[in-house]
Amino acid sequence: MTVSKFARTVGLGLTCVLLAGCYAVSEQDGVKTYAFAGWVPAVLFLSGLAAGYGGVQAFRFWNRSVGVWLVIAAVLFGILVPVMILLNKVTVDDRHFVVQDVYLWFLEHNDVAYDDVLGARLAAERTRSRGGENTKYTLELTMKAGPAKSIAVKNAFTEAWPEVARHLRGRGFDNLPDRLPE
């Protein structure tokens, strides 16, 4: 495998990964589900196959260490990441919302009934890094019964935020913004 073929294979895989980020909204019987579009895990799986092929070719004909790293990337992009993406979703209806977020082996599942919420606020945490300033949002809920809940507003929850905020504002929590601040 020549360097140009190798570069094309890696470039195709990276292009596919960069395209992976679109969400889809489906509605059935008044229940909205926010999740990654169905093509996203398929593209990542194909990227994993391309990285695996490139890794085997690089291992055999070009550079063994690059080949090993590409095979490791193939496992990540071909198996682990698509499974995580398939499990990430937010379901919203008139009674409650459910946030399911998966990161590697950690599954975060929050089922919140609107009538059980005593207080709600959107907290922002700003962090600085070499790449600039980042803001992480968290929905902090005080519950009528049980402990308070902190739900990170990320992945599909970012897309579902306007709908969840609308339902919470309808129950008197007017301090929540329509959209997440930029």
Protein backbone atom coordinates (compact mmCIF):
# COMPACT_ATOMS: atom_id res chain seq x y z
CA MET A 1 0.00 0.00 0.00
CA THR A 2 1.47 3.33 -0.97
CA VAL A 3 1.41 6.35 1.26
CA SER A 4 -1.18 8.07 -0.96
CA LYS A 5 -3.59 5.10 -0.75
CA PHE A 6 -3.07 5.02 2.99
CA ALA A 7 -3.72 8.76 3.26
CA ARG A 8 -6.90 8.43 1.18
CA THR A 9 -8.17 5.61 3.40
CA VAL A 10 -7.51 7.57 6.59
CA GLY A 11 -8.91 10.75 5.03
CA LEU A 12 -12.11 8.95 4.04
CA GLY A 13 -12.50 7.62 7.55
CA LEU A 14 -11.92 11.03 9.12
CA THR A 15 -14.36 12.65 6.69
CA CYS A 16 -17.00 10.13 7.67
CA VAL A 17 -16.37 10.85 11.35
CA LEU A 18 -16.67 14.60 10.79
CA LEU A 19 -20.01 14.10 9.07
CA ALA A 20 -21.30 12.11 12.03
CA GLY A 21 -23.19 14.57 14.18
CA CYS A 22 -26.71 14.93 12.87
CA TYR A 23 -29.74 14.35 15.06
CA ALA A 24 -33.18 13.17 14.06
CA VAL A 25 -36.49 13.87 15.77
CA SER A 26 -39.32 11.40 15.52
CA GLU A 27 -42.81 11.83 16.91
CA GLN A 28 -45.34 9.12 17.61
CA ASP A 29 -48.53 9.52 19.67
CA GLY A 30 -47.34 12.82 21.19
CA VAL A 31 -43.95 11.41 22.24
CA LYS A 32 -40.91 13.06 20.67
CA THR A 33 -37.66 11.13 20.51
CA TYR A 34 -34.37 12.94 19.88
CA ALA A 35 -31.49 10.72 18.81
CA PHE A 36 -28.64 10.55 16.35
CA ALA A 37 -29.82 10.02 12.78
CA GLY A 38 -29.77 6.37 11.71
CA TRP A 39 -27.04 6.91 9.18
CA VAL A 40 -24.54 8.15 11.79
CA PRO A 41 -23.73 4.76 13.36
CA ALA A 42 -23.69 3.21 9.89
CA VAL A 43 -21.12 5.76 8.70
CA LEU A 44 -19.02 5.21 11.79
CA PHE A 45 -19.17 1.45 11.28
CA LEU A 46 -18.02 1.89 7.68
CA SER A 47 -15.25 4.21 8.92
CA GLY A 48 -14.21 1.46 11.29
CA LEU A 49 -14.09 -1.03 8.43
CA ALA A 50 -11.98 1.38 6.37
CA ALA A 51 -9.63 1.97 9.30
CA GLY A 52 -9.37 -1.77 9.88
CA TYR A 53 -8.55 -2.40 6.23
CA GLY A 54 -6.03 0.44 6.24
CA GLY A 55 -4.54 -0.89 9.46
CA VAL A 56 -4.05 -4.38 8.08
CA GLN A 57 -2.52 -2.98 4.89
CA ALA A 58 -0.26 -0.60 6.81
CA PHE A 59 0.83 -3.42 9.13
CA ARG A 60 1.70 -5.70 6.22
CA PHE A 61 3.30 -3.30 3.77
CA TRP A 62 4.22 0.00 5.35
CA ASN A 63 4.48 0.64 9.10
CA ARG A 64 3.52 -1.88 11.77
CA SER A 65 2.90 0.63 14.57
CA VAL A 66 0.57 2.71 12.38
CA GLY A 67 -1.21 -0.49 11.43
CA VAL A 68 -1.79 -1.41 15.07
CA TRP A 69 -3.14 2.06 15.88
CA LEU A 70 -5.49 1.93 12.91
CA VAL A 71 -6.83 -1.47 13.99
CA ILE A 72 -7.45 -0.06 17.48
CA ALA A 73 -9.27 2.90 15.88
CA ALA A 74 -11.25 0.42 13.80
CA VAL A 75 -12.53 -1.28 16.94
CA LEU A 76 -13.46 2.07 18.49
CA PHE A 77 -15.17 3.52 15.44
CA GLY A 78 -16.53 0.26 14.14
CA ILE A 79 -18.02 -1.18 17.31
CA LEU A 80 -17.89 0.91 20.50
CA VAL A 81 -18.88 4.36 19.23
CA PRO A 82 -21.83 3.18 17.06
CA VAL A 83 -23.26 1.24 20.02
CA MET A 84 -22.93 4.30 22.27
CA ILE A 85 -24.59 6.45 19.62
CA LEU A 86 -27.49 4.03 19.21
CA LEU A 87 -28.17 4.13 22.96
CA ASN A 88 -28.05 7.94 23.32
CA LYS A 89 -31.53 9.45 23.14
CA VAL A 90 -34.01 11.76 24.83
CA THR A 91 -37.74 11.08 24.95
CA VAL A 92 -40.15 13.94 25.73
CA ASP A 93 -43.92 13.94 26.21
CA ASP A 94 -46.49 15.94 28.20
CA ARG A 95 -45.89 14.01 31.46
CA HIS A 96 -42.12 13.49 31.62
CA PHE A 97 -38.80 13.35 29.84
CA VAL A 98 -36.20 10.59 29.77
CA VAL A 99 -32.52 11.28 29.10
CA GLN A 100 -30.37 8.28 28.27
CA ASP A 101 -26.70 8.99 27.68
CA VAL A 102 -23.94 6.42 27.25
CA TYR A 103 -20.21 6.96 27.46
CA LEU A 104 -18.16 3.79 27.06
CA TRP A 105 -19.37 1.61 29.95
CA PHE A 106 -21.26 4.33 31.88
CA LEU A 107 -25.01 4.52 31.25
CA GLU A 108 -26.77 7.60 32.60
CA HIS A 109 -30.54 7.21 32.68
CA ASN A 110 -32.77 9.99 34.06
CA ASP A 111 -36.55 9.72 34.03
CA VAL A 112 -38.10 12.98 35.25
CA ALA A 113 -41.84 13.51 35.70
CA TYR A 114 -42.66 17.21 35.36
CA ASP A 115 -45.11 17.08 38.29
CA ASP A 116 -42.35 15.78 40.61
CA VAL A 117 -40.11 18.82 39.99
CA LEU A 118 -40.05 21.42 42.76
CA GLY A 119 -37.36 23.68 41.26
CA ALA A 120 -35.37 23.89 38.04
CA ARG A 121 -32.43 25.97 36.90
CA LEU A 122 -29.85 25.84 34.13
CA ALA A 123 -26.32 26.03 35.50
CA ALA A 124 -23.37 27.01 33.31
CA GLU A 125 -19.76 26.07 34.02
CA ARG A 126 -17.07 27.81 32.01
CA THR A 127 -13.69 26.18 31.62
CA ARG A 128 -10.55 27.36 29.89
CA SER A 129 -8.25 25.18 27.85
CA ARG A 130 -5.68 25.64 25.14
CA GLY A 131 -8.44 25.51 22.57
CA GLY A 132 -10.35 28.38 24.14
CA GLU A 133 -13.26 28.72 26.52
CA ASN A 134 -15.90 25.99 26.82
CA THR A 135 -19.26 26.13 28.53
CA LYS A 136 -20.96 23.06 29.97
CA TYR A 137 -24.63 23.27 30.87
CA THR A 138 -26.38 21.27 33.57
CA LEU A 139 -30.08 21.12 34.34
CA GLU A 140 -30.34 21.10 38.11
CA LEU A 141 -33.65 19.87 39.44
CA THR A 142 -34.99 19.91 42.98
CA MET A 143 -37.44 17.06 43.32
CA LYS A 144 -40.53 16.90 45.58
CA ALA A 145 -39.46 13.48 46.80
CA GLY A 146 -35.97 12.09 46.65
CA PRO A 147 -32.59 13.63 45.98
CA ALA A 148 -31.91 16.52 43.64
CA LYS A 149 -30.91 15.64 40.07
CA SER A 150 -28.19 17.16 37.91
CA ILE A 151 -28.48 16.26 34.25
CA ALA A 152 -25.74 17.29 31.83
CA VAL A 153 -27.16 19.02 28.76
CA LYS A 154 -25.17 17.29 26.03
CA ASN A 155 -25.61 15.09 22.96
CA ALA A 156 -29.29 14.53 22.17
CA PHE A 157 -30.38 16.54 25.22
CA THR A 158 -28.96 19.65 23.55
CA GLU A 159 -31.39 19.12 20.68
CA ALA A 160 -34.29 18.31 23.01
CA TRP A 161 -33.64 21.28 25.30
CA PRO A 162 -36.21 23.70 23.76
CA GLU A 163 -38.98 21.10 24.16
CA VAL A 164 -38.03 20.18 27.74
CA ALA A 165 -37.67 23.86 28.71
CA ARG A 166 -41.09 24.62 27.19
CA HIS A 167 -42.73 21.91 29.30
CA LEU A 168 -40.95 23.06 32.48
CA ARG A 169 -41.83 26.71 31.82
CA GLY A 170 -45.44 25.62 31.38
CA ARG A 171 -45.28 24.37 34.97
CA GLY A 172 -44.04 27.70 36.34
CA PHE A 173 -40.25 27.50 35.98
CA ASP A 174 -39.87 30.71 33.97
CA ASN A 175 -36.12 31.08 34.60
CA LEU A 176 -35.21 28.54 31.91
CA PRO A 177 -34.16 29.94 28.50
CA ASP A 178 -35.87 28.91 25.25
CA ARG A 179 -32.52 28.02 23.72
CA LEU A 180 -29.14 27.25 25.19
CA PRO A 181 -26.91 30.33 25.23
CA GLU A 182 -24.16 30.23 22.59
